Amino acid sequence: MKHEPKLLQQCLEHLKALPHIQATSKIDFHSATIDKAAEKHLIIDSPLKSVNYICNIQPDINIRTAELVIAYFKLHQEKLKEKLLLITRYLSETAIEKLVENDIEFVDTAGNIYLNNPAAYILVRGKHRPKEKSASQKQITPNNLKVIYTLLKSPNILKASLKELADAAGVTSGIVNNTLKNLYELGYLQRQREGHYRIAHYCKLLERWEIGYAESLRPNLLLGTFTPVFKEKFAEVSDNIIQQAKENNFLIGGELGAAIATSYLIPLGAVLHVKDNHRLIAAQLKLKPSPEGEIVFLQQFGSHNADDYHRTEPIADSLLIHAELMIGNNERLEDTAKRIFAHFIEGRQQNA
């Protein structure tokens, strides 16, 4: 991404300022291709040992998205079998607390640092936020995220007209045009010779979508959280949810959607993606409002919220289900998220 070199350099300077520590970067941004992210390796040397890291850059993290970043780190470290170092712009005290609690090592541009390796244990916190605002904070809005979702779902839609993409995302053509320009400036898209764009790195854009989904799009779409009136266990209402989804034209997501799609998870809740009349649907399901309810209603957007799982149940797209599972951040949901990604999302990269 185009903002990454400056961000990495700022964080590297803070590491180099540490006493008795030598930080050496082996970062080649020119190695990035359509199919491969740039190699971002970092070596920490001390009188005790030398440790190799792969830098994972997430420009903007708050307490709401920290849980999602933690989940990503656990998945990536398991897959890569190498240590990861989080590089970010600024971490609040609450976000730092959460990351340290989960042993996620990090450096931010303010100078907050956590290293816990055979070479050194270092915790620097309390540094204040830099004055400049990040480009991603300014430019990635809920409407931009609707466009990003549509690109991730159907990468070939980048060859279509602005109007077709706008109709699919549920936004205006002007928003689509600005979003594509912003994503290009941020490095998420590459421009092709014929004038169209192409996704530069699918998984990186997927991460940005899911962090943005948790941070701003999901709250923007939230209609309410509910629980059964008669305090039944979720298993006792799930069959009714499936039947009502068929009759009332809404989509099943969250844990219940994942369970139907994979036949793997025992669901403890559901996300219902509705077009309208969510209160009527809640009444038919015998639900009552509850801040901690296990049944969440979200407003559908655009025309591409569903996916074809070759099943009769109306299920939300795998991107929406995967994002919900990653928010949960526990091993039970992470295992299911891996299955959702492998079976339904990974193949979309081939069209990017």
Protein backbone atom coordinates (compact mmCIF):
# COMPACT_ATOMS: atom_id res chain seq x y z
CA MET A 1 0.00 0.00 0.00
CA LYS A 2 1.27 3.46 -0.86
CA HIS A 3 1.16 4.80 2.70
CA GLU A 4 3.17 1.87 4.11
CA PRO A 5 6.79 2.98 3.46
CA LYS A 6 6.45 6.17 5.52
CA LEU A 7 4.58 4.36 8.29
CA LEU A 8 7.22 1.64 8.49
CA GLN A 9 10.07 4.12 8.48
CA GLN A 10 8.57 6.12 11.36
CA CYS A 11 8.15 2.97 13.46
CA LEU A 12 11.63 1.72 12.54
CA GLU A 13 13.16 4.96 13.87
CA HIS A 14 11.56 4.32 17.27
CA LEU A 15 13.00 0.79 17.34
CA LYS A 16 16.46 2.05 16.39
CA ALA A 17 16.35 4.54 19.30
CA LEU A 18 16.03 1.74 21.87
CA PRO A 19 19.22 1.16 23.93
CA HIS A 20 21.15 -2.06 23.24
CA ILE A 21 18.80 -2.91 20.38
CA GLN A 22 19.61 -2.99 16.68
CA ALA A 23 16.72 -3.02 14.22
CA THR A 24 17.45 -3.92 10.62
CA SER A 25 14.83 -3.85 7.90
CA LYS A 26 14.72 -6.06 4.84
CA ILE A 27 11.72 -4.43 3.25
CA ASP A 28 11.23 -4.54 -0.50
CA PHE A 29 8.10 -2.70 -1.60
CA HIS A 30 9.06 -3.29 -5.23
CA SER A 31 8.49 -7.04 -4.76
CA ALA A 32 4.72 -6.54 -4.56
CA THR A 33 2.70 -8.04 -7.40
CA ILE A 34 -0.95 -8.77 -8.14
CA ASP A 35 -0.60 -12.14 -6.41
CA LYS A 36 1.92 -11.35 -3.70
CA ALA A 37 2.32 -8.69 -1.04
CA ALA A 38 5.62 -6.89 -0.59
CA GLU A 39 8.13 -8.70 1.61
CA LYS A 40 8.40 -6.81 4.90
CA HIS A 41 11.00 -8.48 7.13
CA LEU A 42 12.58 -6.97 10.23
CA ILE A 43 15.45 -8.28 12.37
CA ILE A 44 15.79 -7.33 16.05
CA ASP A 45 19.30 -7.89 17.48
CA SER A 46 20.36 -7.62 21.13
CA PRO A 47 23.34 -8.93 23.12
CA LEU A 48 21.13 -11.96 23.90
CA LYS A 49 19.75 -13.07 20.55
CA SER A 50 18.57 -12.19 17.05
CA VAL A 51 14.87 -12.46 16.15
CA ASN A 52 13.21 -12.28 12.74
CA TYR A 53 9.79 -10.70 12.23
CA ILE A 54 7.35 -10.24 9.39
CA CYS A 55 5.77 -6.80 9.66
CA ASN A 56 1.98 -6.69 9.50
CA ILE A 57 0.82 -3.15 8.73
CA GLN A 58 -2.61 -2.04 9.93
CA PRO A 59 -2.67 1.78 9.72
CA ASP A 60 -5.55 2.55 12.10
CA ILE A 61 -6.61 0.48 15.10
CA ASN A 62 -9.00 1.32 17.92
CA ILE A 63 -10.39 -0.75 20.79
CA ARG A 64 -13.27 -1.96 18.61
CA THR A 65 -11.01 -3.27 15.85
CA ALA A 66 -8.20 -4.47 18.17
CA GLU A 67 -10.06 -7.76 18.71
CA LEU A 68 -10.20 -8.32 14.96
CA VAL A 69 -6.49 -7.56 14.55
CA ILE A 70 -5.74 -10.05 17.33
CA ALA A 71 -7.74 -12.70 15.48
CA TYR A 72 -5.88 -11.93 12.25
CA PHE A 73 -2.52 -12.23 13.99
CA LYS A 74 -3.37 -15.61 15.46
CA LEU A 75 -4.45 -16.92 12.06
CA HIS A 76 -1.41 -15.49 10.23
CA GLN A 77 1.13 -16.69 12.80
CA GLU A 78 -0.33 -20.19 12.63
CA LYS A 79 -0.15 -20.15 8.83
CA LEU A 80 3.26 -18.48 8.43
CA LYS A 81 4.97 -20.15 11.40
CA GLU A 82 6.91 -16.90 11.91
CA LYS A 83 6.74 -14.06 14.41
CA LEU A 84 4.65 -11.05 13.41
CA LEU A 85 5.17 -7.44 14.43
CA LEU A 86 2.22 -5.06 14.23
CA ILE A 87 3.05 -1.72 12.63
CA THR A 88 0.40 0.95 13.11
CA ARG A 89 -0.16 4.67 13.37
CA TYR A 90 -1.33 5.08 16.95
CA LEU A 91 -2.61 2.86 19.76
CA SER A 92 -4.74 4.09 22.65
CA GLU A 93 -4.09 2.86 26.19
CA THR A 94 -7.10 0.53 26.02
CA ALA A 95 -5.94 -0.93 22.69
CA ILE A 96 -2.41 -1.38 24.08
CA GLU A 97 -3.82 -3.20 27.10
CA LYS A 98 -5.76 -5.58 24.85
CA LEU A 99 -2.78 -6.28 22.58
CA VAL A 100 -0.35 -6.89 25.45
CA GLU A 101 -2.89 -9.17 27.12
CA ASN A 102 -2.92 -11.27 23.93
CA ASP A 103 0.87 -11.03 23.45
CA ILE A 104 0.63 -9.14 20.14
CA GLU A 105 3.95 -7.33 19.65
CA PHE A 106 3.72 -3.85 18.15
CA VAL A 107 5.30 -0.50 17.31
CA ASP A 108 3.34 2.66 16.54
CA THR A 109 4.43 5.99 15.10
CA ALA A 110 4.03 7.70 18.48
CA GLY A 111 6.70 5.43 19.98
CA ASN A 112 4.53 2.97 21.89
CA ILE A 113 6.38 -0.37 21.69
CA TYR A 114 5.85 -3.92 22.91
CA LEU A 115 8.46 -6.61 22.21
CA ASN A 116 8.40 -9.99 23.91
CA ASN A 117 10.98 -12.27 22.34
CA PRO A 118 14.25 -14.07 23.19
CA ALA A 119 16.18 -10.94 22.22
CA ALA A 120 14.37 -8.47 24.48
CA TYR A 121 11.32 -7.68 26.55
CA ILE A 122 10.31 -4.03 26.07
CA LEU A 123 7.09 -2.19 26.87
CA VAL A 124 6.87 1.53 26.15
CA ARG A 125 3.43 3.11 26.53
CA GLY A 126 1.82 6.46 27.24
CA LYS A 127 3.08 8.18 24.09
CA HIS A 128 0.61 10.69 22.65
CA ARG A 129 -1.12 10.56 19.26
CA PRO A 130 0.72 12.21 16.34
CA LYS A 131 -1.01 15.37 15.12
CA GLU A 132 -1.55 14.31 11.50
CA LYS A 133 -4.67 12.37 10.54
CA SER A 134 -4.31 9.21 8.53
CA ALA A 135 -5.32 9.05 4.89
CA SER A 136 -7.30 5.86 5.51
CA GLN A 137 -9.28 7.46 8.33
CA LYS A 138 -10.22 10.35 6.06
CA GLN A 139 -11.09 8.29 3.03
CA ILE A 140 -12.63 4.94 4.07
CA THR A 141 -16.27 5.63 4.96
CA PRO A 142 -19.28 3.26 5.32
CA ASN A 143 -20.26 4.01 1.71
CA ASN A 144 -16.70 3.30 0.56
CA LEU A 145 -16.88 -0.02 2.42
CA LYS A 146 -20.06 -0.96 0.54
CA VAL A 147 -18.12 -0.48 -2.70
CA ILE A 148 -15.13 -2.46 -1.36
CA TYR A 149 -17.46 -5.31 -0.38
CA THR A 150 -18.88 -5.40 -3.90
CA LEU A 151 -15.38 -5.50 -5.42
CA LEU A 152 -14.34 -8.35 -3.12
CA LYS A 153 -17.51 -10.30 -3.90
CA SER A 154 -17.24 -9.85 -7.68
CA PRO A 155 -13.76 -8.59 -8.71
CA ASN A 156 -14.73 -8.67 -12.39
CA ILE A 157 -17.32 -5.95 -11.73
CA LEU A 158 -14.41 -3.50 -12.02
CA LYS A 159 -14.79 -3.97 -15.79
CA ALA A 160 -18.44 -2.87 -15.63
CA SER A 161 -19.85 0.66 -15.76
CA LEU A 162 -19.91 2.97 -12.75
CA LYS A 163 -23.72 2.73 -12.72
CA GLU A 164 -23.68 -1.07 -12.57
CA LEU A 165 -21.19 -1.01 -9.71
CA ALA A 166 -23.19 1.72 -7.95
CA ASP A 167 -26.43 -0.29 -8.21
CA ALA A 168 -24.70 -3.39 -6.86
CA ALA A 169 -23.22 -1.49 -3.89
CA GLY A 170 -26.31 0.61 -3.18
CA VAL A 171 -24.51 3.96 -3.51
CA THR A 172 -24.28 6.72 -6.13
CA SER A 173 -22.01 6.67 -9.16
CA GLY A 174 -20.16 9.65 -7.68
CA ILE A 175 -19.35 7.68 -4.54
CA VAL A 176 -18.13 4.76 -6.65
CA ASN A 177 -15.89 7.03 -8.71
CA ASN A 178 -14.38 8.68 -5.62
CA THR A 179 -13.94 5.33 -3.87
CA LEU A 180 -12.04 3.83 -6.80
CA LYS A 181 -9.77 6.87 -6.97
CA ASN A 182 -9.12 6.72 -3.21
CA LEU A 183 -8.41 2.97 -3.27
CA TYR A 184 -5.98 3.56 -6.13
CA GLU A 185 -4.24 6.36 -4.24
CA LEU A 186 -3.98 4.13 -1.15
CA GLY A 187 -2.53 1.31 -3.25
CA TYR A 188 -5.41 -1.17 -2.98
CA LEU A 189 -6.15 -0.98 -6.72
CA GLN A 190 -3.91 -1.00 -9.79
CA ARG A 191 -4.81 0.76 -13.03
CA GLN A 192 -4.84 -1.35 -16.19
CA ARG A 193 -3.86 -0.29 -19.72
CA GLU A 194 -7.44 -0.35 -20.96
CA GLY A 195 -8.40 2.16 -18.25
CA HIS A 196 -10.05 -0.24 -15.80
CA TYR A 197 -8.82 -0.97 -12.28
CA ARG A 198 -7.74 -4.30 -10.81
CA ILE A 199 -7.43 -5.32 -7.15
CA ALA A 200 -3.73 -5.11 -6.29
CA HIS A 201 -3.78 -7.57 -3.38
CA TYR A 202 -7.06 -9.28 -2.55
CA CYS A 203 -6.26 -10.40 1.02
CA LYS A 204 -4.99 -6.96 2.02
CA LEU A 205 -8.22 -5.36 0.76
CA LEU A 206 -10.18 -8.09 2.55
CA GLU A 207 -8.47 -7.20 5.83
CA ARG A 208 -9.24 -3.51 5.30
CA TRP A 209 -12.88 -4.36 4.54
CA GLU A 210 -13.27 -6.46 7.69
CA ILE A 211 -11.65 -3.89 9.95
CA GLY A 212 -13.84 -1.19 8.40
CA TYR A 213 -16.90 -3.44 8.71
CA ALA A 214 -16.33 -3.84 12.44
CA GLU A 215 -15.41 -0.20 12.98
CA SER A 216 -18.00 1.71 10.98
CA LEU A 217 -20.13 -0.20 8.46
CA ARG A 218 -21.71 -2.69 10.87
CA PRO A 219 -22.69 0.04 13.38
CA ASN A 220 -24.10 2.01 10.43
CA LEU A 221 -26.26 -0.96 9.36
CA LEU A 222 -27.31 -2.06 12.87
CA LEU A 223 -31.08 -2.07 13.44
CA GLY A 224 -31.12 -3.74 16.84
CA THR A 225 -30.23 -6.77 18.93
CA PHE A 226 -32.88 -9.18 20.21
CA THR A 227 -33.37 -12.28 22.33
CA PRO A 228 -36.26 -14.80 22.58
CA VAL A 229 -39.18 -13.58 24.71
CA PHE A 230 -39.55 -16.93 26.43
CA LYS A 231 -35.83 -17.41 27.04
CA GLU A 232 -35.51 -20.50 24.87
CA LYS A 233 -32.09 -21.80 23.96
CA PHE A 234 -30.94 -20.64 20.54
CA ALA A 235 -31.23 -24.16 19.12
CA GLU A 236 -34.96 -24.00 19.86
CA VAL A 237 -35.50 -20.88 17.70
CA SER A 238 -33.04 -21.52 14.85
CA ASP A 239 -35.47 -23.66 12.82
CA ASN A 240 -38.06 -20.90 13.07
CA ILE A 241 -35.50 -18.33 11.88
CA ILE A 242 -34.75 -20.46 8.81
CA GLN A 243 -38.46 -20.85 8.00
CA GLN A 244 -39.18 -17.14 8.50
CA ALA A 245 -36.18 -16.23 6.30
CA LYS A 246 -37.75 -18.18 3.43
CA GLU A 247 -41.14 -16.56 3.96
CA ASN A 248 -40.04 -12.98 4.70
CA ASN A 249 -37.14 -12.56 2.27
CA PHE A 250 -34.25 -11.94 4.65
CA LEU A 251 -30.77 -13.48 4.75
CA ILE A 252 -29.23 -15.55 7.52
CA GLY A 253 -25.69 -14.66 8.54
CA GLY A 254 -23.45 -14.80 11.57
CA GLU A 255 -23.05 -18.11 13.39
CA LEU A 256 -26.28 -19.63 12.10
CA GLY A 257 -25.42 -18.74 8.50
CA ALA A 258 -21.94 -20.24 8.96
CA ALA A 259 -23.41 -23.39 10.47
CA ILE A 260 -25.77 -23.88 7.52
CA ALA A 261 -23.03 -23.17 4.96
CA THR A 262 -20.39 -25.46 6.50
CA SER A 263 -22.36 -28.03 8.55
CA TYR A 264 -19.56 -27.59 11.10
CA LEU A 265 -20.49 -25.06 13.78
CA ILE A 266 -23.05 -25.39 16.58
CA PRO A 267 -24.47 -21.83 16.45
CA LEU A 268 -25.20 -19.73 19.51
CA GLY A 269 -26.61 -16.75 17.63
CA ALA A 270 -27.46 -15.28 14.24
CA VAL A 271 -27.22 -12.10 12.20
CA LEU A 272 -30.31 -11.40 10.12
CA HIS A 273 -29.78 -9.19 7.07
CA VAL A 274 -33.18 -7.65 6.33
CA LYS A 275 -34.55 -5.27 3.71
CA ASP A 276 -37.35 -3.82 5.84
CA ASN A 277 -39.90 -4.54 8.60
CA HIS A 278 -37.33 -5.87 11.05
CA ARG A 279 -39.72 -5.26 13.97
CA LEU A 280 -42.43 -7.32 12.26
CA ILE A 281 -39.92 -10.13 11.69
CA ALA A 282 -38.82 -9.90 15.33
CA ALA A 283 -42.45 -10.16 16.44
CA GLN A 284 -43.04 -13.22 14.25
CA LEU A 285 -39.93 -14.82 15.74
CA LYS A 286 -41.15 -13.90 19.26
CA LEU A 287 -38.10 -11.80 20.02
CA LYS A 288 -37.68 -8.84 22.35
CA PRO A 289 -35.03 -6.08 22.27
CA SER A 290 -31.94 -6.81 24.36
CA PRO A 291 -28.57 -4.99 24.34
CA GLU A 292 -26.80 -8.33 24.79
CA GLY A 293 -29.12 -10.28 22.49
CA GLU A 294 -27.78 -13.15 20.42
CA ILE A 295 -29.90 -12.27 17.37
CA VAL A 296 -28.72 -9.17 15.49
CA PHE A 297 -30.66 -7.37 12.75
CA LEU A 298 -28.67 -5.54 10.06
CA GLN A 299 -29.97 -3.50 7.14
CA GLN A 300 -29.15 -4.95 3.72
CA PHE A 301 -27.37 -2.67 1.26
CA GLY A 302 -27.13 -2.84 -2.51
CA SER A 303 -28.19 -5.97 -4.37
CA HIS A 304 -25.37 -8.45 -3.69
CA ASN A 305 -25.80 -9.46 -0.03
CA ALA A 306 -26.71 -13.08 -0.82
CA ASP A 307 -24.54 -15.95 -2.01
CA ASP A 308 -25.24 -19.28 -3.70
CA TYR A 309 -24.23 -22.14 -1.41
CA HIS A 310 -26.31 -24.65 -3.43
CA ARG A 311 -28.74 -24.83 -0.54
CA THR A 312 -32.40 -23.95 -0.12
CA GLU A 313 -31.84 -21.68 2.89
CA PRO A 314 -31.37 -17.95 2.13
CA ILE A 315 -27.85 -17.32 3.45
CA ALA A 316 -25.84 -14.08 3.51
CA ASP A 317 -22.68 -13.81 1.44
CA SER A 318 -19.56 -15.48 2.82
CA LEU A 319 -17.82 -12.09 3.14
CA LEU A 320 -20.49 -10.92 5.59
CA ILE A 321 -20.41 -14.20 7.50
CA HIS A 322 -16.60 -14.28 7.67
CA ALA A 323 -16.46 -10.70 8.96
CA GLU A 324 -18.94 -11.55 11.73
CA LEU A 325 -16.98 -14.66 12.77
CA MET A 326 -13.73 -12.69 12.93
CA ILE A 327 -15.33 -10.11 15.24
CA GLY A 328 -16.10 -12.94 17.67
CA ASN A 329 -12.36 -13.69 18.14
CA ASN A 330 -12.43 -17.12 19.74
CA GLU A 331 -11.10 -20.49 18.62
CA ARG A 332 -14.56 -21.94 17.98
CA LEU A 333 -15.41 -19.19 15.50
CA GLU A 334 -11.89 -18.92 14.04
CA ASP A 335 -11.96 -22.57 12.96
CA THR A 336 -15.25 -21.96 11.17
CA ALA A 337 -13.92 -18.73 9.64
CA LYS A 338 -11.03 -20.70 8.12
CA ARG A 339 -13.52 -23.07 6.50
CA ILE A 340 -15.64 -20.19 5.17
CA PHE A 341 -12.54 -18.55 3.69
CA ALA A 342 -11.18 -21.75 2.13
CA HIS A 343 -14.50 -22.91 0.66
CA PHE A 344 -16.16 -19.70 -0.44
CA ILE A 345 -13.76 -16.70 -0.49
CA GLU A 346 -10.30 -17.87 -1.47
CA GLY A 347 -11.34 -18.76 -5.02
CA ARG A 348 -12.49 -15.19 -5.66
CA GLN A 349 -8.84 -14.08 -5.62
CA GLN A 350 -8.41 -15.82 -8.97
CA ASN A 351 -10.73 -13.25 -10.58
CA ALA A 352 -9.00 -10.27 -8.97
